[in-house]
Amino acid sequence: ARSVTELADRLEKEHGRLDVLVNNAGHFRGATAV
């Protein structure tokens, strides 16, 4: 949460807006259902 808030604050100060957000970060770990 702190990392997300710090980036939001930085974008506010440096750009004042955001035009495109690509939520690409992802995680995979293989395991059977059981």
All heavy atoms as atom14 arrays in JSON, in Angstrom:
{
  "sequence": "ARSVTELADRLEKEHGRLDVLVNNAGHFRGATAV",
  "atom14_mask": [
    [1, 1, 1, 1, 1, 0, 0, 0, 0, 0, 0, 0, 0, 0],
    [1, 1, 1, 1, 1, 1, 1, 1, 1, 1, 1, 0, 0, 0],
    [1, 1, 1, 1, 1, 1, 0, 0, 0, 0, 0, 0, 0, 0],
    [1, 1, 1, 1, 1, 1, 1, 0, 0, 0, 0, 0, 0, 0],
    [1, 1, 1, 1, 1, 1, 1, 0, 0, 0, 0, 0, 0, 0],
    [1, 1, 1, 1, 1, 1, 1, 1, 1, 0, 0, 0, 0, 0],
    [1, 1, 1, 1, 1, 1, 1, 1, 0, 0, 0, 0, 0, 0],
    [1, 1, 1, 1, 1, 0, 0, 0, 0, 0, 0, 0, 0, 0],
    [1, 1, 1, 1, 1, 1, 1, 1, 0, 0, 0, 0, 0, 0],
    [1, 1, 1, 1, 1, 1, 1, 1, 1, 1, 1, 0, 0, 0],
    [1, 1, 1, 1, 1, 1, 1, 1, 0, 0, 0, 0, 0, 0],
    [1, 1, 1, 1, 1, 1, 1, 1, 1, 0, 0, 0, 0, 0],
    [1, 1, 1, 1, 1, 1, 1, 1, 1, 0, 0, 0, 0, 0],
    [1, 1, 1, 1, 1, 1, 1, 1, 1, 0, 0, 0, 0, 0],
    [1, 1, 1, 1, 1, 1, 1, 1, 1, 1, 0, 0, 0, 0],
    [1, 1, 1, 1, 0, 0, 0, 0, 0, 0, 0, 0, 0, 0],
    [1, 1, 1, 1, 1, 1, 1, 1, 1, 1, 1, 0, 0, 0],
    [1, 1, 1, 1, 1, 1, 1, 1, 0, 0, 0, 0, 0, 0],
    [1, 1, 1, 1, 1, 1, 1, 1, 0, 0, 0, 0, 0, 0],
    [1, 1, 1, 1, 1, 1, 1, 0, 0, 0, 0, 0, 0, 0],
    [1, 1, 1, 1, 1, 1, 1, 1, 0, 0, 0, 0, 0, 0],
    [1, 1, 1, 1, 1, 1, 1, 0, 0, 0, 0, 0, 0, 0],
    [1, 1, 1, 1, 1, 1, 1, 1, 0, 0, 0, 0, 0, 0],
    [1, 1, 1, 1, 1, 1, 1, 1, 0, 0, 0, 0, 0, 0],
    [1, 1, 1, 1, 1, 0, 0, 0, 0, 0, 0, 0, 0, 0],
    [1, 1, 1, 1, 0, 0, 0, 0, 0, 0, 0, 0, 0, 0],
    [1, 1, 1, 1, 1, 1, 1, 1, 1, 1, 0, 0, 0, 0],
    [1, 1, 1, 1, 1, 1, 1, 1, 1, 1, 1, 0, 0, 0],
    [1, 1, 1, 1, 1, 1, 1, 1, 1, 1, 1, 0, 0, 0],
    [1, 1, 1, 1, 0, 0, 0, 0, 0, 0, 0, 0, 0, 0],
    [1, 1, 1, 1, 1, 0, 0, 0, 0, 0, 0, 0, 0, 0],
    [1, 1, 1, 1, 1, 1, 1, 0, 0, 0, 0, 0, 0, 0],
    [1, 1, 1, 1, 1, 0, 0, 0, 0, 0, 0, 0, 0, 0],
    [1, 1, 1, 1, 1, 1, 1, 0, 0, 0, 0, 0, 0, 0]
  ],
  "atom14_positions": [
    [[0.82, -1.21, 0.0], [0.0, 0.0, 0.0], [0.85, 1.26, 0.0], [0.53, 2.24, -0.68], [-0.94, -0.01, 1.21], [0.0, 0.0, 0.0], [0.0, 0.0, 0.0], [0.0, 0.0, 0.0], [0.0, 0.0, 0.0], [0.0, 0.0, 0.0], [0.0, 0.0, 0.0], [0.0, 0.0, 0.0], [0.0, 0.0, 0.0], [0.0, 0.0, 0.0]],
    [[1.95, 1.24, 0.74], [2.81, 2.43, 0.8], [3.45, 2.7, -0.56], [3.52, 3.86, -1.0], [3.9, 2.22, 1.85], [4.84, 3.4, 1.98], [5.83, 3.2, 3.12], [6.75, 4.31, 3.22], [7.7, 4.41, 4.15], [7.83, 3.45, 5.08], [8.52, 5.45, 4.18], [0.0, 0.0, 0.0], [0.0, 0.0, 0.0], [0.0, 0.0, 0.0]],
    [[3.89, 1.65, -1.24], [4.49, 1.8, -2.56], [3.49, 2.39, -3.55], [3.83, 3.29, -4.33], [4.99, 0.44, -3.06], [5.48, 0.53, -4.38], [0.0, 0.0, 0.0], [0.0, 0.0, 0.0], [0.0, 0.0, 0.0], [0.0, 0.0, 0.0], [0.0, 0.0, 0.0], [0.0, 0.0, 0.0], [0.0, 0.0, 0.0], [0.0, 0.0, 0.0]],
    [[2.26, 1.91, -3.51], [1.22, 2.42, -4.4], [0.93, 3.89, -4.11], [0.84, 4.72, -5.03], [-0.06, 1.57, -4.27], [-1.21, 2.2, -5.06], [0.19, 0.14, -4.73], [0.0, 0.0, 0.0], [0.0, 0.0, 0.0], [0.0, 0.0, 0.0], [0.0, 0.0, 0.0], [0.0, 0.0, 0.0], [0.0, 0.0, 0.0], [0.0, 0.0, 0.0]],
    [[0.81, 4.24, -2.83], [0.53, 5.63, -2.45], [1.66, 6.56, -2.85], [1.43, 7.67, -3.34], [0.29, 5.71, -0.93], [-0.84, 4.91, -0.58], [0.03, 7.15, -0.5], [0.0, 0.0, 0.0], [0.0, 0.0, 0.0], [0.0, 0.0, 0.0], [0.0, 0.0, 0.0], [0.0, 0.0, 0.0], [0.0, 0.0, 0.0], [0.0, 0.0, 0.0]],
    [[2.89, 6.11, -2.64], [4.05, 6.95, -2.99], [4.1, 7.22, -4.49], [4.41, 8.34, -4.92], [5.34, 6.28, -2.53], [5.53, 6.32, -1.01], [6.78, 5.61, -0.55], [7.41, 4.9, -1.37], [7.15, 5.76, 0.64], [0.0, 0.0, 0.0], [0.0, 0.0, 0.0], [0.0, 0.0, 0.0], [0.0, 0.0, 0.0], [0.0, 0.0, 0.0]],
    [[3.77, 6.22, -5.29], [3.78, 6.45, -6.73], [2.64, 7.39, -7.13], [2.83, 8.28, -7.98], [3.66, 5.14, -7.5], [3.64, 5.29, -9.02], [4.92, 5.99, -9.51], [3.47, 3.96, -9.71], [0.0, 0.0, 0.0], [0.0, 0.0, 0.0], [0.0, 0.0, 0.0], [0.0, 0.0, 0.0], [0.0, 0.0, 0.0], [0.0, 0.0, 0.0]],
    [[1.47, 7.23, -6.54], [0.36, 8.12, -6.83], [0.73, 9.57, -6.5], [0.44, 10.49, -7.27], [-0.88, 7.7, -6.05], [0.0, 0.0, 0.0], [0.0, 0.0, 0.0], [0.0, 0.0, 0.0], [0.0, 0.0, 0.0], [0.0, 0.0, 0.0], [0.0, 0.0, 0.0], [0.0, 0.0, 0.0], [0.0, 0.0, 0.0], [0.0, 0.0, 0.0]],
    [[1.39, 9.77, -5.37], [1.83, 11.12, -4.97], [2.84, 11.68, -5.97], [2.8, 12.86, -6.32], [2.44, 11.09, -3.57], [1.42, 10.83, -2.49], [0.2, 10.97, -2.76], [1.83, 10.46, -1.36], [0.0, 0.0, 0.0], [0.0, 0.0, 0.0], [0.0, 0.0, 0.0], [0.0, 0.0, 0.0], [0.0, 0.0, 0.0], [0.0, 0.0, 0.0]],
    [[3.74, 10.81, -6.43], [4.76, 11.26, -7.4], [4.11, 11.67, -8.71], [4.46, 12.72, -9.28], [5.77, 10.14, -7.63], [6.79, 10.47, -8.71], [7.84, 9.38, -8.87], [8.69, 9.65, -10.02], [9.74, 8.92, -10.36], [10.08, 7.86, -9.62], [10.48, 9.23, -11.43], [0.0, 0.0, 0.0], [0.0, 0.0, 0.0], [0.0, 0.0, 0.0]],
    [[3.16, 10.88, -9.18], [2.48, 11.21, -10.43], [1.7, 12.51, -10.29], [1.64, 13.33, -11.23], [1.55, 10.08, -10.84], [2.21, 8.77, -11.27], [1.16, 7.73, -11.62], [3.13, 9.0, -12.45], [0.0, 0.0, 0.0], [0.0, 0.0, 0.0], [0.0, 0.0, 0.0], [0.0, 0.0, 0.0], [0.0, 0.0, 0.0], [0.0, 0.0, 0.0]],
    [[1.09, 12.71, -9.14], [0.35, 13.94, -8.89], [1.28, 15.16, -9.0], [0.95, 16.16, -9.65], [-0.28, 13.89, -7.5], [-0.92, 15.18, -7.02], [-2.17, 15.54, -7.8], [-3.01, 14.64, -8.01], [-2.28, 16.71, -8.21], [0.0, 0.0, 0.0], [0.0, 0.0, 0.0], [0.0, 0.0, 0.0], [0.0, 0.0, 0.0], [0.0, 0.0, 0.0]],
    [[2.44, 15.06, -8.38], [3.37, 16.19, -8.36], [4.02, 16.42, -9.71], [4.22, 17.57, -10.13], [4.45, 15.94, -7.3], [3.94, 15.96, -5.87], [5.02, 15.56, -4.88], [4.48, 15.48, -3.47], [5.51, 14.97, -2.51], [0.0, 0.0, 0.0], [0.0, 0.0, 0.0], [0.0, 0.0, 0.0], [0.0, 0.0, 0.0], [0.0, 0.0, 0.0]],
    [[4.4, 15.34, -10.4], [5.18, 15.48, -11.62], [4.33, 15.65, -12.88], [4.79, 16.26, -13.85], [6.11, 14.27, -11.79], [7.17, 14.18, -10.7], [8.12, 13.01, -10.91], [7.96, 12.27, -11.91], [9.02, 12.82, -10.07], [0.0, 0.0, 0.0], [0.0, 0.0, 0.0], [0.0, 0.0, 0.0], [0.0, 0.0, 0.0], [0.0, 0.0, 0.0]],
    [[3.12, 15.1, -12.88], [2.32, 15.11, -14.11], [0.9, 15.65, -13.91], [0.33, 16.2, -14.85], [2.25, 13.7, -14.7], [3.6, 13.11, -15.0], [4.37, 13.55, -16.03], [4.3, 12.12, -14.38], [5.51, 12.85, -16.06], [5.48, 11.98, -15.08], [0.0, 0.0, 0.0], [0.0, 0.0, 0.0], [0.0, 0.0, 0.0], [0.0, 0.0, 0.0]],
    [[0.31, 15.43, -12.76], [-1.02, 15.96, -12.5], [-2.15, 15.19, -13.15], [-3.32, 15.53, -12.99], [0.0, 0.0, 0.0], [0.0, 0.0, 0.0], [0.0, 0.0, 0.0], [0.0, 0.0, 0.0], [0.0, 0.0, 0.0], [0.0, 0.0, 0.0], [0.0, 0.0, 0.0], [0.0, 0.0, 0.0], [0.0, 0.0, 0.0], [0.0, 0.0, 0.0]],
    [[-1.81, 14.14, -13.9], [-2.83, 13.31, -14.53], [-2.19, 11.98, -14.94], [-0.96, 11.84, -14.93], [-3.41, 13.99, -15.77], [-2.5, 13.98, -16.98], [-3.15, 14.57, -18.22], [-2.46, 14.18, -19.43], [-1.36, 14.76, -19.91], [-0.82, 15.78, -19.27], [-0.8, 14.32, -21.04], [0.0, 0.0, 0.0], [0.0, 0.0, 0.0], [0.0, 0.0, 0.0]],
    [[-3.05, 11.04, -15.33], [-2.58, 9.79, -15.92], [-3.53, 9.46, -17.06], [-4.74, 9.49, -16.9], [-2.58, 8.66, -14.88], [-2.11, 7.29, -15.39], [-0.63, 7.34, -15.79], [-2.33, 6.21, -14.34], [0.0, 0.0, 0.0], [0.0, 0.0, 0.0], [0.0, 0.0, 0.0], [0.0, 0.0, 0.0], [0.0, 0.0, 0.0], [0.0, 0.0, 0.0]],
    [[-2.97, 9.16, -18.23], [-3.79, 8.89, -19.41], [-4.03, 7.4, -19.64], [-5.1, 7.02, -20.11], [-3.13, 9.5, -20.64], [-2.99, 11.01, -20.52], [-4.03, 11.68, -20.42], [-1.85, 11.5, -20.49], [0.0, 0.0, 0.0], [0.0, 0.0, 0.0], [0.0, 0.0, 0.0], [0.0, 0.0, 0.0], [0.0, 0.0, 0.0], [0.0, 0.0, 0.0]],
    [[-3.04, 6.59, -19.34], [-3.17, 5.15, -19.58], [-2.57, 4.39, -18.41], [-1.44, 4.66, -17.99], [-2.45, 4.72, -20.88], [-2.56, 3.21, -21.07], [-3.01, 5.45, -22.08], [0.0, 0.0, 0.0], [0.0, 0.0, 0.0], [0.0, 0.0, 0.0], [0.0, 0.0, 0.0], [0.0, 0.0, 0.0], [0.0, 0.0, 0.0], [0.0, 0.0, 0.0]],
    [[-3.34, 3.42, -17.91], [-2.85, 2.49, -16.89], [-2.94, 1.08, -17.46], [-4.03, 0.63, -17.83], [-3.68, 2.58, -15.61], [-3.45, 1.47, -14.57], [-2.01, 1.48, -14.07], [-4.43, 1.62, -13.41], [0.0, 0.0, 0.0], [0.0, 0.0, 0.0], [0.0, 0.0, 0.0], [0.0, 0.0, 0.0], [0.0, 0.0, 0.0], [0.0, 0.0, 0.0]],
    [[-1.81, 0.39, -17.53], [-1.78, -1.0, -17.95], [-1.43, -1.84, -16.72], [-0.3, -1.83, -16.25], [-0.76, -1.25, -19.07], [-0.76, -2.73, -19.47], [-1.07, -0.37, -20.29], [0.0, 0.0, 0.0], [0.0, 0.0, 0.0], [0.0, 0.0, 0.0], [0.0, 0.0, 0.0], [0.0, 0.0, 0.0], [0.0, 0.0, 0.0], [0.0, 0.0, 0.0]],
    [[-2.44, -2.53, -16.19], [-2.24, -3.41, -15.03], [-1.69, -4.75, -15.52], [-2.43, -5.7, -15.77], [-3.56, -3.62, -14.29], [-3.88, -2.49, -13.33], [-3.01, -2.02, -12.61], [-5.12, -2.04, -13.34], [0.0, 0.0, 0.0], [0.0, 0.0, 0.0], [0.0, 0.0, 0.0], [0.0, 0.0, 0.0], [0.0, 0.0, 0.0], [0.0, 0.0, 0.0]],
    [[-0.37, -4.8, -15.66], [0.29, -5.97, -16.22], [0.93, -6.86, -15.17], [1.1, -8.07, -15.41], [1.35, -5.52, -17.23], [2.23, -6.65, -17.68], [1.83, -7.51, -18.46], [3.47, -6.68, -17.16], [0.0, 0.0, 0.0], [0.0, 0.0, 0.0], [0.0, 0.0, 0.0], [0.0, 0.0, 0.0], [0.0, 0.0, 0.0], [0.0, 0.0, 0.0]],
    [[1.31, -6.31, -14.02], [2.01, -7.1, -13.01], [1.19, -8.35, -12.66], [-0.01, -8.26, -12.4], [2.24, -6.27, -11.75], [0.0, 0.0, 0.0], [0.0, 0.0, 0.0], [0.0, 0.0, 0.0], [0.0, 0.0, 0.0], [0.0, 0.0, 0.0], [0.0, 0.0, 0.0], [0.0, 0.0, 0.0], [0.0, 0.0, 0.0], [0.0, 0.0, 0.0]],
    [[1.85, -9.49, -12.7], [1.13, -10.73, -12.44], [2.04, -11.78, -11.84], [3.27, -11.68, -11.89], [0.0, 0.0, 0.0], [0.0, 0.0, 0.0], [0.0, 0.0, 0.0], [0.0, 0.0, 0.0], [0.0, 0.0, 0.0], [0.0, 0.0, 0.0], [0.0, 0.0, 0.0], [0.0, 0.0, 0.0], [0.0, 0.0, 0.0], [0.0, 0.0, 0.0]],
    [[1.4, -12.81, -11.28], [2.15, -13.87, -10.62], [1.52, -15.21, -10.96], [0.29, -15.33, -11.05], [2.11, -13.65, -9.1], [2.86, -14.66, -8.3], [4.12, -15.12, -8.64], [2.53, -15.32, -7.15], [4.53, -16.0, -7.75], [3.58, -16.15, -6.85], [0.0, 0.0, 0.0], [0.0, 0.0, 0.0], [0.0, 0.0, 0.0], [0.0, 0.0, 0.0]],
    [[2.38, -16.19, -11.21], [1.91, -17.55, -11.49], [2.74, -18.54, -10.69], [3.97, -18.42, -10.62], [2.05, -17.88, -12.98], [1.73, -19.32, -13.31], [0.42, -19.72, -13.51], [2.74, -20.27, -13.39], [0.12, -21.05, -13.79], [2.45, -21.6, -13.68], [1.13, -21.99, -13.88], [0.0, 0.0, 0.0], [0.0, 0.0, 0.0], [0.0, 0.0, 0.0]],
    [[2.05, -19.5, -10.07], [2.73, -20.63, -9.45], [1.9, -21.86, -9.71], [0.74, -21.93, -9.3], [2.91, -20.41, -7.95], [4.16, -21.11, -7.44], [4.58, -20.62, -6.08], [3.91, -21.36, -5.03], [3.55, -20.86, -3.87], [3.75, -19.6, -3.63], [2.96, -21.6, -2.97], [0.0, 0.0, 0.0], [0.0, 0.0, 0.0], [0.0, 0.0, 0.0]],
    [[2.46, -22.8, -10.44], [1.71, -23.98, -10.82], [1.49, -24.93, -9.67], [2.39, -25.21, -8.89], [0.0, 0.0, 0.0], [0.0, 0.0, 0.0], [0.0, 0.0, 0.0], [0.0, 0.0, 0.0], [0.0, 0.0, 0.0], [0.0, 0.0, 0.0], [0.0, 0.0, 0.0], [0.0, 0.0, 0.0], [0.0, 0.0, 0.0], [0.0, 0.0, 0.0]],
    [[0.27, -25.43, -9.56], [-0.08, -26.45, -8.57], [-1.4, -27.06, -9.0], [-2.28, -26.36, -9.52], [-0.21, -25.86, -7.16], [0.0, 0.0, 0.0], [0.0, 0.0, 0.0], [0.0, 0.0, 0.0], [0.0, 0.0, 0.0], [0.0, 0.0, 0.0], [0.0, 0.0, 0.0], [0.0, 0.0, 0.0], [0.0, 0.0, 0.0], [0.0, 0.0, 0.0]],
    [[-1.55, -28.35, -8.78], [-2.82, -28.99, -9.11], [-3.91, -28.47, -8.18], [-3.62, -27.88, -7.13], [-2.72, -30.51, -8.96], [-2.5, -30.83, -7.58], [-1.58, -31.08, -9.81], [0.0, 0.0, 0.0], [0.0, 0.0, 0.0], [0.0, 0.0, 0.0], [0.0, 0.0, 0.0], [0.0, 0.0, 0.0], [0.0, 0.0, 0.0], [0.0, 0.0, 0.0]],
    [[-5.16, -28.72, -8.56], [-6.27, -28.26, -7.73], [-6.18, -28.85, -6.33], [-6.39, -28.13, -5.33], [-7.6, -28.64, -8.39], [0.0, 0.0, 0.0], [0.0, 0.0, 0.0], [0.0, 0.0, 0.0], [0.0, 0.0, 0.0], [0.0, 0.0, 0.0], [0.0, 0.0, 0.0], [0.0, 0.0, 0.0], [0.0, 0.0, 0.0], [0.0, 0.0, 0.0]],
    [[-5.86, -30.12, -6.22], [-5.83, -30.75, -4.89], [-4.64, -30.28, -4.07], [-4.64, -30.4, -2.83], [-5.82, -32.29, -5.01], [-7.13, -32.79, -5.62], [-4.63, -32.79, -5.8], [0.0, 0.0, 0.0], [0.0, 0.0, 0.0], [0.0, 0.0, 0.0], [0.0, 0.0, 0.0], [0.0, 0.0, 0.0], [0.0, 0.0, 0.0], [0.0, 0.0, 0.0]]
  ]
}
